[in-house]
Protein backbone atom coordinates (compact mmCIF):
# COMPACT_ATOMS: atom_id res chain seq x y z
CA UNK A 1 10.17 6.89 5.85
CA UNK A 2 9.07 3.45 7.08
CA UNK A 3 7.37 0.91 4.84
CA UNK A 4 5.75 -2.44 5.57
CA UNK A 5 6.53 -5.45 3.42
CA UNK A 6 4.07 -8.35 3.37
CA UNK A 7 4.26 -11.66 1.57
CA UNK A 8 0.71 -12.97 1.29
CA UNK A 9 -0.84 -16.40 1.17
CA UNK A 10 -0.48 -17.54 4.77
CA UNK A 11 -3.71 -18.25 6.69
CA UNK A 12 -3.68 -16.69 10.14
CA UNK A 13 -4.12 -18.88 13.20
CA UNK A 14 -3.52 -17.93 16.81
CA UNK A 15 -4.42 -15.39 19.47
CA UNK A 16 -4.27 -11.61 19.10
CA UNK A 17 -4.54 -9.28 22.11
CA UNK A 18 -6.88 -6.35 21.44
CA UNK A 19 -5.68 -3.02 22.82
CA UNK A 20 -7.69 -0.32 24.52
CA UNK A 21 -9.62 1.84 22.07
CA UNK A 22 -7.82 4.86 20.66
CA UNK A 23 -11.15 6.63 20.17
CA UNK A 24 -11.91 6.16 23.87
CA UNK A 25 -8.45 6.89 25.26
CA UNK A 26 -8.11 10.33 23.64
CA UNK A 27 -11.25 11.96 25.13
CA UNK A 28 -10.53 10.22 28.44
CA UNK A 29 -7.12 11.88 28.50
CA UNK A 30 -8.76 15.26 27.93
CA UNK A 31 -11.06 14.57 30.89
CA UNK A 32 -7.99 14.94 33.13
CA UNK A 33 -8.34 18.70 32.59
CA UNK A 34 -11.65 18.67 34.48
CA UNK A 35 -10.07 18.06 37.90
CA UNK A 36 -6.99 18.97 39.91
CA UNK A 37 -6.81 15.42 41.27
CA UNK A 38 -5.07 12.46 39.57
CA UNK A 39 -6.87 10.62 36.78
CA UNK A 40 -5.44 7.14 36.22
CA UNK A 41 -6.26 5.25 33.04
CA UNK A 42 -5.43 1.57 32.46
CA UNK A 43 -5.52 -0.47 29.25
CA UNK A 44 -4.17 2.56 27.39
CA UNK A 45 -2.89 1.78 23.87
CA UNK A 46 0.60 2.97 23.01
CA UNK A 47 -0.08 4.82 19.77
CA UNK A 48 1.19 7.90 17.97
CA UNK A 49 -2.08 9.72 18.65
CA UNK A 50 -1.88 8.93 22.37
CA UNK A 51 1.69 10.24 22.45
CA UNK A 52 0.61 13.39 20.60
CA UNK A 53 -2.24 13.98 23.03
CA UNK A 54 0.17 13.45 25.93
CA UNK A 55 2.52 16.09 24.51
CA UNK A 56 -0.37 18.53 24.08
CA UNK A 57 -1.59 18.00 27.65
CA UNK A 58 1.97 18.33 28.92
CA UNK A 59 2.31 21.66 27.15
CA UNK A 60 -0.82 22.85 28.95
CA UNK A 61 0.78 21.93 32.28
CA UNK A 62 -0.62 18.45 32.93
CA UNK A 63 1.87 16.05 34.51
CA UNK A 64 1.85 12.57 32.94
CA UNK A 65 3.38 9.25 33.97
CA UNK A 66 3.09 6.53 31.33
CA UNK A 67 4.20 2.94 31.94
CA UNK A 68 6.78 1.75 29.43
CA UNK A 69 5.18 -1.67 28.95
CA UNK A 70 1.79 -3.36 29.38
CA UNK A 71 0.86 -4.61 32.84
CA UNK A 72 -0.91 -7.98 32.82
CA UNK A 73 -4.41 -7.77 31.34
CA UNK A 74 -4.83 -4.06 32.03
CA UNK A 75 -2.55 -2.71 29.34
CA UNK A 76 -0.45 0.34 30.00
CA UNK A 77 -1.18 2.64 32.91
CA UNK A 78 -1.30 6.41 32.47
CA UNK A 79 -1.46 8.78 35.43
CA UNK A 80 -2.33 12.43 34.76
CA UNK A 81 -2.80 15.41 37.04
CA UNK A 82 -3.91 18.87 35.99
CA UNK A 83 -3.32 20.75 39.25
CA UNK A 84 -0.91 23.31 37.81
CA UNK A 85 -2.17 24.35 34.36
CA UNK A 86 0.13 26.95 32.81
CA UNK A 87 -1.51 27.52 29.42
CA UNK A 88 -4.95 27.48 27.85
CA UNK A 89 -3.59 27.29 24.30
CA UNK A 90 -3.53 24.15 22.15
CA UNK A 91 -1.09 25.15 19.41
CA UNK A 92 -1.24 24.35 15.71
CA UNK A 93 1.87 22.15 15.80
CA UNK A 94 0.05 19.55 17.91
CA UNK A 95 -3.53 19.97 16.74
CA UNK A 96 -2.75 19.85 13.01
CA UNK A 97 -1.70 16.19 13.22
CA UNK A 98 -4.68 14.92 15.17
CA UNK A 99 -8.30 16.03 15.08
CA UNK A 100 -9.05 14.74 18.59
CA UNK A 101 -6.91 17.56 20.01
CA UNK A 102 -9.96 19.81 19.75
CA UNK A 103 -11.41 17.82 22.69
CA UNK A 104 -9.39 19.96 25.12
CA UNK A 105 -11.70 22.84 24.22
CA UNK A 106 -14.70 21.88 26.38
CA UNK A 107 -12.74 20.85 29.50
CA UNK A 108 -10.50 23.95 29.46
CA UNK A 109 -13.46 26.25 29.00
CA UNK A 110 -15.56 24.56 31.67
CA UNK A 111 -12.89 24.54 34.37
CA UNK A 112 -10.86 27.66 33.61
CA UNK A 113 -13.26 29.84 31.62
CA UNK A 114 -10.92 30.16 28.65
CA UNK A 115 -9.54 28.08 25.79
CA UNK A 116 -7.48 28.95 22.72
CA UNK A 117 -7.38 25.98 20.37
CA UNK A 118 -6.06 25.64 16.84
CA UNK A 119 -8.47 24.37 14.23
CA UNK A 120 -7.84 20.62 13.91
CA UNK A 121 -6.17 18.34 11.36
CA UNK A 122 -5.90 14.55 11.18
CA UNK A 123 -6.72 12.15 8.35
CA UNK A 124 -7.62 13.64 4.99
CA UNK A 125 -11.07 12.04 4.79
CA UNK A 126 -13.21 15.12 4.42
CA UNK A 127 -13.69 18.56 5.89
CA UNK A 128 -15.11 17.40 9.24
CA UNK A 129 -15.82 20.94 10.51
CA UNK A 130 -16.19 21.64 14.22
CA UNK A 131 -19.20 23.93 13.94
CA UNK A 132 -21.30 21.52 16.02
CA UNK A 133 -18.71 21.68 18.83
CA UNK A 134 -18.77 25.48 18.80
CA UNK A 135 -22.55 25.79 18.60
CA UNK A 136 -22.97 23.50 21.61
CA UNK A 137 -20.48 25.48 23.69
CA UNK A 138 -22.14 28.76 22.69
CA UNK A 139 -25.48 27.38 23.89
CA UNK A 140 -23.76 26.63 27.22
CA UNK A 141 -22.89 30.32 27.47
CA UNK A 142 -19.45 30.57 25.85
CA UNK A 143 -18.35 33.50 23.73
CA UNK A 144 -16.47 32.18 20.72
CA UNK A 145 -14.40 33.99 18.12
CA UNK A 146 -12.35 32.61 15.24
CA UNK A 147 -9.13 34.19 14.04
CA UNK A 148 -5.78 33.29 12.53
CA UNK A 149 -6.69 29.61 12.49
CA UNK A 150 -7.67 29.45 16.16
CA UNK A 151 -10.85 29.10 18.19
CA UNK A 152 -10.90 31.45 21.18
CA UNK A 153 -13.58 30.59 23.73
CA UNK A 154 -14.33 32.39 26.98
CA UNK A 155 -17.03 32.47 29.64
CA UNK A 156 -17.57 34.66 32.67
CA UNK A 157 -18.08 32.48 35.69
CA UNK A 158 -19.47 28.99 35.05
CA UNK A 159 -21.06 27.67 31.92
CA UNK A 160 -24.86 27.43 32.14
CA UNK A 161 -26.87 24.29 31.45
CA UNK A 162 -28.90 24.29 28.24
CA UNK A 163 -31.04 22.13 26.00
CA UNK A 164 -28.83 21.30 23.02
CA UNK A 165 -29.96 19.42 19.94
CA UNK A 166 -27.24 18.46 17.46
CA UNK A 167 -28.21 19.02 13.83
CA UNK A 168 -26.48 15.76 12.99
CA UNK A 169 -24.82 13.02 14.99
CA UNK A 170 -21.24 13.93 15.90
CA UNK A 171 -19.02 11.90 18.20
CA UNK A 172 -16.53 14.70 18.87
CA UNK A 173 -19.17 17.36 19.46
CA UNK A 174 -21.01 15.06 21.87
CA UNK A 175 -17.79 14.40 23.80
CA UNK A 176 -16.83 18.08 24.00
CA UNK A 177 -20.31 19.14 25.12
CA UNK A 178 -20.60 16.26 27.60
CA UNK A 179 -17.34 17.13 29.33
CA UNK A 180 -18.16 20.83 29.41
CA UNK A 181 -21.66 20.21 30.78
CA UNK A 182 -20.30 18.25 33.75
CA UNK A 183 -19.01 21.50 35.30
CA UNK A 184 -21.82 23.74 34.04
CA UNK A 185 -24.40 25.25 36.37
CA UNK A 186 -27.74 23.49 36.14
CA UNK A 187 -29.06 20.81 33.80
CA UNK A 188 -27.90 20.17 30.25
CA UNK A 189 -29.77 17.99 27.78
CA UNK A 190 -27.91 16.66 24.75
CA UNK A 191 -30.39 15.48 22.11
CA UNK A 192 -29.42 13.56 18.97
CA UNK A 193 -26.18 12.79 20.77
CA UNK A 194 -23.80 10.15 19.44
CA UNK A 195 -24.06 6.91 21.42
CA UNK A 196 -20.84 5.10 20.45
CA UNK A 197 -19.39 2.77 23.11
CA UNK A 198 -16.43 5.14 23.45
CA UNK A 199 -18.80 7.92 24.55
CA UNK A 200 -20.45 5.60 27.06
CA UNK A 201 -16.96 4.71 28.31
CA UNK A 202 -16.17 8.42 28.74
CA UNK A 203 -19.45 8.91 30.61
CA UNK A 204 -18.66 6.03 32.98
CA UNK A 205 -15.31 7.65 33.77
CA UNK A 206 -16.91 11.06 34.32
CA UNK A 207 -19.50 9.54 36.65
CA UNK A 208 -16.69 7.90 38.61
CA UNK A 209 -15.17 11.39 38.87
CA UNK A 210 -18.39 12.71 40.42
CA UNK A 211 -20.39 13.79 37.36
CA UNK A 212 -24.16 13.26 37.20
CA UNK A 213 -25.11 11.82 33.81
CA UNK A 214 -28.22 9.90 32.76
CA UNK A 215 -29.16 8.25 29.46
CA UNK A 216 -25.91 6.39 28.83
CA UNK A 217 -25.93 4.49 25.56
CA UNK A 218 -28.85 6.52 24.16
CA UNK A 219 -29.20 9.57 21.93
CA UNK A 220 -30.41 11.71 24.85
CA UNK A 221 -27.94 12.50 27.60
CA UNK A 222 -28.99 14.48 30.67
CA UNK A 223 -26.20 16.09 32.68
CA UNK A 224 -26.64 17.82 36.01
CA UNK A 225 -23.62 20.01 36.51
CA UNK A 226 -21.46 19.91 39.62
CA UNK A 227 -19.03 22.49 40.97
CA UNK A 228 -16.03 20.18 41.05
CA UNK A 229 -14.89 16.74 39.88
CA UNK A 230 -12.48 14.39 41.62
CA UNK A 231 -9.85 11.95 40.43
CA UNK A 232 -10.48 8.28 39.71
CA UNK A 233 -9.07 5.14 38.09
CA UNK A 234 -10.69 3.90 34.89
CA UNK A 235 -10.03 1.09 32.39
CA UNK A 236 -10.25 2.06 28.70
CA UNK A 237 -12.80 0.01 26.75
CA UNK A 238 -11.56 -2.55 24.21
CA UNK A 239 -10.98 -1.34 20.64
CA UNK A 240 -13.88 -2.68 18.57
CA UNK A 241 -12.32 -1.35 15.35
CA UNK A 242 -9.02 -3.13 15.97
CA UNK A 243 -10.94 -6.33 16.74
CA UNK A 244 -12.93 -6.03 13.51
CA UNK A 245 -9.74 -5.37 11.57
CA UNK A 246 -8.01 -8.54 12.74
CA UNK A 247 -11.20 -10.52 12.17
CA UNK A 248 -11.05 -9.37 8.54
CA UNK A 249 -7.38 -10.40 8.37
CA UNK A 250 -8.26 -13.92 9.49
CA UNK A 251 -11.24 -14.19 7.17
CA UNK A 252 -9.53 -13.07 3.99
CA UNK A 253 -6.69 -15.56 4.55
CA UNK A 254 -9.00 -18.44 5.44
CA UNK A 255 -7.73 -18.67 9.02
CA UNK A 256 -9.14 -18.35 12.51
CA UNK A 257 -8.00 -16.14 15.38
CA UNK A 258 -9.04 -15.54 18.97
CA UNK A 259 -9.25 -11.84 19.73
CA UNK A 260 -8.28 -11.54 23.38
CA UNK A 261 -10.19 -8.84 25.22
CA UNK A 262 -12.60 -8.17 22.35
CA UNK A 263 -16.14 -7.30 23.39
CA UNK A 264 -18.70 -8.66 20.88
CA UNK A 265 -21.50 -6.70 22.59
CA UNK A 266 -20.15 -3.42 21.18
CA UNK A 267 -19.44 -4.64 17.63
CA UNK A 268 -22.70 -6.32 16.67
CA UNK A 269 -23.16 -4.45 13.38
CA UNK A 270 -19.70 -5.55 12.21
CA UNK A 271 -20.23 -9.15 13.30
CA UNK A 272 -23.62 -9.27 11.58
CA UNK A 273 -22.11 -8.23 8.24
CA UNK A 274 -19.25 -10.67 8.74
CA UNK A 275 -21.79 -13.46 9.24
CA UNK A 276 -23.54 -12.50 6.01
CA UNK A 277 -20.16 -12.63 4.25
CA UNK A 278 -19.50 -16.19 5.44
CA UNK A 279 -17.60 -15.74 8.69
CA UNK A 280 -18.31 -17.53 11.93
CA UNK A 281 -17.70 -16.19 15.40
CA UNK A 282 -18.26 -17.20 18.98
CA UNK A 283 -17.71 -15.56 22.33
CA UNK A 284 -15.00 -17.13 24.46
CA UNK A 285 -13.93 -16.77 28.07
CA UNK A 286 -11.12 -14.46 26.94
CA UNK A 287 -12.77 -12.59 24.09
CA UNK A 288 -13.95 -13.64 20.66
CA UNK A 289 -12.98 -16.27 18.05
CA UNK A 290 -13.50 -15.40 14.39
CA UNK A 291 -12.84 -17.45 11.27
CA UNK A 292 -14.18 -18.20 7.83
CA UNK A 293 -16.91 -20.79 7.48
CA UNK A 294 -16.49 -23.51 4.86
CA UNK A 295 -16.63 -22.13 1.34
CA UNK A 296 -15.78 -18.75 -0.18
CA UNK A 297 -16.61 -15.29 1.07
CA UNK A 298 -19.88 -13.82 -0.19
CA UNK A 299 -20.42 -10.31 -1.49
CA UNK A 300 -22.45 -8.25 0.99
CA UNK A 301 -23.80 -4.71 0.71
CA UNK A 302 -23.03 -2.36 3.57
CA UNK A 303 -23.83 1.25 4.46
CA UNK A 304 -21.98 3.16 7.15
CA UNK A 305 -24.11 4.72 9.87
CA UNK A 306 -23.68 6.19 13.34
CA UNK A 307 -23.59 3.60 16.14
CA UNK A 308 -25.21 1.11 16.48
CA UNK A 309 -24.96 0.95 12.68
CA UNK A 310 -21.93 -0.20 10.70
CA UNK A 311 -18.95 1.96 11.65
CA UNK A 312 -17.31 4.20 9.09
CA UNK A 313 -13.99 3.20 10.66
CA UNK A 314 -14.62 -0.38 9.42
CA UNK A 315 -15.58 0.57 5.86
CA UNK A 316 -12.10 0.36 4.29
CA UNK A 317 -11.39 -2.99 5.96
CA UNK A 318 -14.70 -4.42 4.76
CA UNK A 319 -13.99 -3.21 1.23
CA UNK A 320 -10.66 -5.04 1.30
CA UNK A 321 -12.45 -8.20 2.44
CA UNK A 322 -15.03 -7.89 -0.35
CA UNK A 323 -12.35 -7.71 -3.06
CA UNK A 324 -12.03 -11.52 -2.82
CA UNK A 325 -15.70 -12.40 -2.27
CA UNK A 326 -17.97 -14.26 -4.65
CA UNK A 327 -20.31 -11.81 -6.35
CA UNK A 328 -20.53 -8.08 -5.84
CA UNK A 329 -20.82 -5.76 -2.86
CA UNK A 330 -22.15 -2.20 -2.80
CA UNK A 331 -20.45 -0.14 -0.10
CA UNK A 332 -22.04 3.20 0.71
CA UNK A 333 -20.32 5.82 2.86
CA UNK A 334 -22.69 8.24 4.61
CA UNK A 335 -20.44 9.74 7.30
CA UNK A 336 -17.49 11.26 5.41
CA UNK A 337 -17.43 12.56 1.86
CA UNK A 338 -13.88 11.58 0.91
CA UNK A 339 -13.30 8.12 2.33
CA UNK A 340 -12.72 5.94 -0.73
CA UNK A 341 -9.07 6.88 -1.29
CA UNK A 342 -8.09 3.27 -0.63
CA UNK A 343 -10.08 2.08 -3.67
CA UNK A 344 -7.47 3.00 -6.33
CA UNK A 345 -4.72 1.49 -4.17
CA UNK A 346 -6.64 -1.78 -3.88
CA UNK A 347 -7.13 -1.65 -7.65
CA UNK A 348 -3.34 -1.67 -8.03
CA UNK A 349 -3.46 -5.13 -6.47
CA UNK A 350 -6.09 -6.37 -8.91
CA UNK A 351 -9.29 -5.40 -7.11
CA UNK A 352 -12.31 -4.54 -9.27
CA UNK A 353 -13.85 -1.43 -7.71
CA UNK A 354 -16.01 1.24 -9.31
CA UNK A 355 -16.57 4.39 -7.26
CA UNK A 356 -19.53 6.63 -7.96
CA UNK A 357 -20.17 9.44 -5.51
CA UNK A 358 -20.75 8.04 -2.03
CA UNK A 359 -20.90 4.40 -3.18
CA UNK A 360 -18.36 1.86 -4.36
CA UNK A 361 -19.26 -1.30 -6.27
CA UNK A 362 -16.80 -4.09 -5.48
CA UNK A 363 -16.83 -7.08 -7.81
CA UNK A 364 -14.99 -9.94 -6.17
CA UNK A 365 -11.98 -11.51 -7.82
CA UNK A 366 -10.36 -14.91 -7.28
CA UNK A 367 -6.95 -13.48 -6.54
CA UNK A 368 -5.04 -10.33 -5.71
CA UNK A 369 -1.42 -9.69 -6.61
CA UNK A 370 1.19 -7.94 -4.53
CA UNK A 371 2.14 -4.41 -5.52
CA UNK A 372 3.57 -1.19 -4.18
CA UNK A 373 0.75 0.81 -2.61
CA UNK A 374 0.38 3.96 -0.54
CA UNK A 375 -1.54 4.52 2.67
CA UNK A 376 -3.73 7.62 2.51
CA UNK A 377 -5.25 7.59 6.00
CA UNK A 378 -5.41 5.40 9.10
CA UNK A 379 -8.11 2.92 8.09
CA UNK A 380 -7.10 2.93 4.41
CA UNK A 381 -3.61 1.87 5.44
CA UNK A 382 -4.85 -1.19 7.28
CA UNK A 383 -7.09 -2.08 4.31
CA UNK A 384 -3.87 -2.44 2.35
CA UNK A 385 -2.55 -4.79 5.02
CA UNK A 386 -5.68 -6.97 4.84
CA UNK A 387 -5.49 -7.25 1.06
CA UNK A 388 -1.74 -7.89 1.15
CA UNK A 389 -2.15 -10.81 3.54
CA UNK A 390 -4.18 -12.66 0.90
CA UNK A 391 -2.38 -11.43 -2.23
CA UNK A 392 0.04 -13.49 -4.29
CA UNK A 393 3.62 -12.34 -3.92
CA UNK A 394 4.95 -9.30 -2.11
CA UNK A 395 3.23 -6.04 -1.24
CA UNK A 396 5.04 -2.93 -0.01
CA UNK A 397 2.91 -0.35 1.79
CA UNK A 398 4.29 3.18 1.90
CA UNK A 399 3.47 5.98 4.38
CA UNK A 400 2.68 3.58 7.20
CA UNK A 401 2.99 6.30 9.82
CA UNK A 402 -0.80 6.39 9.51
CA UNK A 403 -0.90 2.85 10.94
CA UNK A 404 1.02 3.91 14.02
CA UNK A 405 -1.79 6.34 14.86
CA UNK A 406 -4.28 3.55 15.45
CA UNK A 407 -2.70 0.08 15.64
CA UNK A 408 -0.34 -0.96 18.40
CA UNK A 409 2.34 -3.55 17.50
CA UNK A 410 0.52 -4.55 14.31
CA UNK A 411 3.44 -6.41 12.75
CA UNK A 412 4.15 -8.37 15.94
CA UNK A 413 0.50 -9.37 16.36
CA UNK A 414 0.25 -10.58 12.77
CA UNK A 415 3.59 -12.42 12.83
CA UNK A 416 2.49 -14.30 15.95
CA UNK A 417 -0.34 -15.77 13.86
CA UNK A 418 1.85 -16.82 10.93
CA UNK A 419 1.91 -13.75 8.70
CA UNK A 420 5.06 -12.81 6.78
CA UNK A 421 5.26 -9.11 7.58
CA UNK A 422 8.12 -6.76 8.40
CA UNK A 423 8.80 -3.07 8.69
CA UNK A 424 11.61 -1.68 6.60
CA UNK A 425 13.15 1.78 6.45
């Protein structure tokens, strides 16, 4: 099993290209099921989750052509066509490794009237049930049964538009319902919908395919269903979480990096907290430059919230940054109930963290020391990388397959800015 070895202490300087967003690319890939015409995505990140989703779609009968290498500023190009679907079943072997696989449920049901999807897996950061997905589809007219670890959904004829209010904000449920509603008969209203940039990106793609959607970027989406969608070409939005991660890498080492392709407009909550902590940033012609202002980092309290609040996917990285700040920081997690598993691993490196329920008190220390640590989920794994870049001596991070799910060419990007990092078997 691969490990990553990092020798800390080198400030990062240079330019880091930011990939297309994983959390946008995965639902966009599922949108290919909504039409028999080609859907072409550009700026697609080459990640384990993208490969897994490609295998799942291929098993359903979608044909895929994926460029082997990035093309200029548009990243990799992925062409998909779902004109000869042979199965409506998303099996356990694929779905268990990646929660986003459940996003085939809405498109399959809307276009073919049937879907048989395994209950999902993914990172071990809480139960994350899909009851909101199922309730929304039932309100659109689906009949849903659960058995032997699978969701079986059917509908006679077309789905019917409905007024749906989510009991709580859910990105995945919003995406599944939005895609399904595009082919439903009549008008669908999604209230208390998630409004993450990745959902807006999905909506832009669907509109380009012929969907009628209003309210983009808000918590109320109105969809007027159409009988058929067409193919299109769409560029995947920049990964705001990857950009925030590398900004934290630069800050904790006392360096400065330009994040090529980063879009500061969609990461304002992260940048605001970075400013409070003592970072500086400015928009550039090619993206965003981030570095540490003169003086030490400052402890800053943060609470995760749905967009436009501080993203739960940045919580672990911010905790790693706060381990070397002056003063204390209270970090409160409101989205997932089991997302502090990185805290004891950071403590192995000398961090002073006290976890109590949904909050973690981080008391900054003047130095961290390299150690052997274990990645427990995707964002926790990169928190270890951030801490290791600033730690004295050598850190070895185990179970880095989590990293490959969300960060493309991480070692190469860091090495290009002066980091001492390598992958070892």
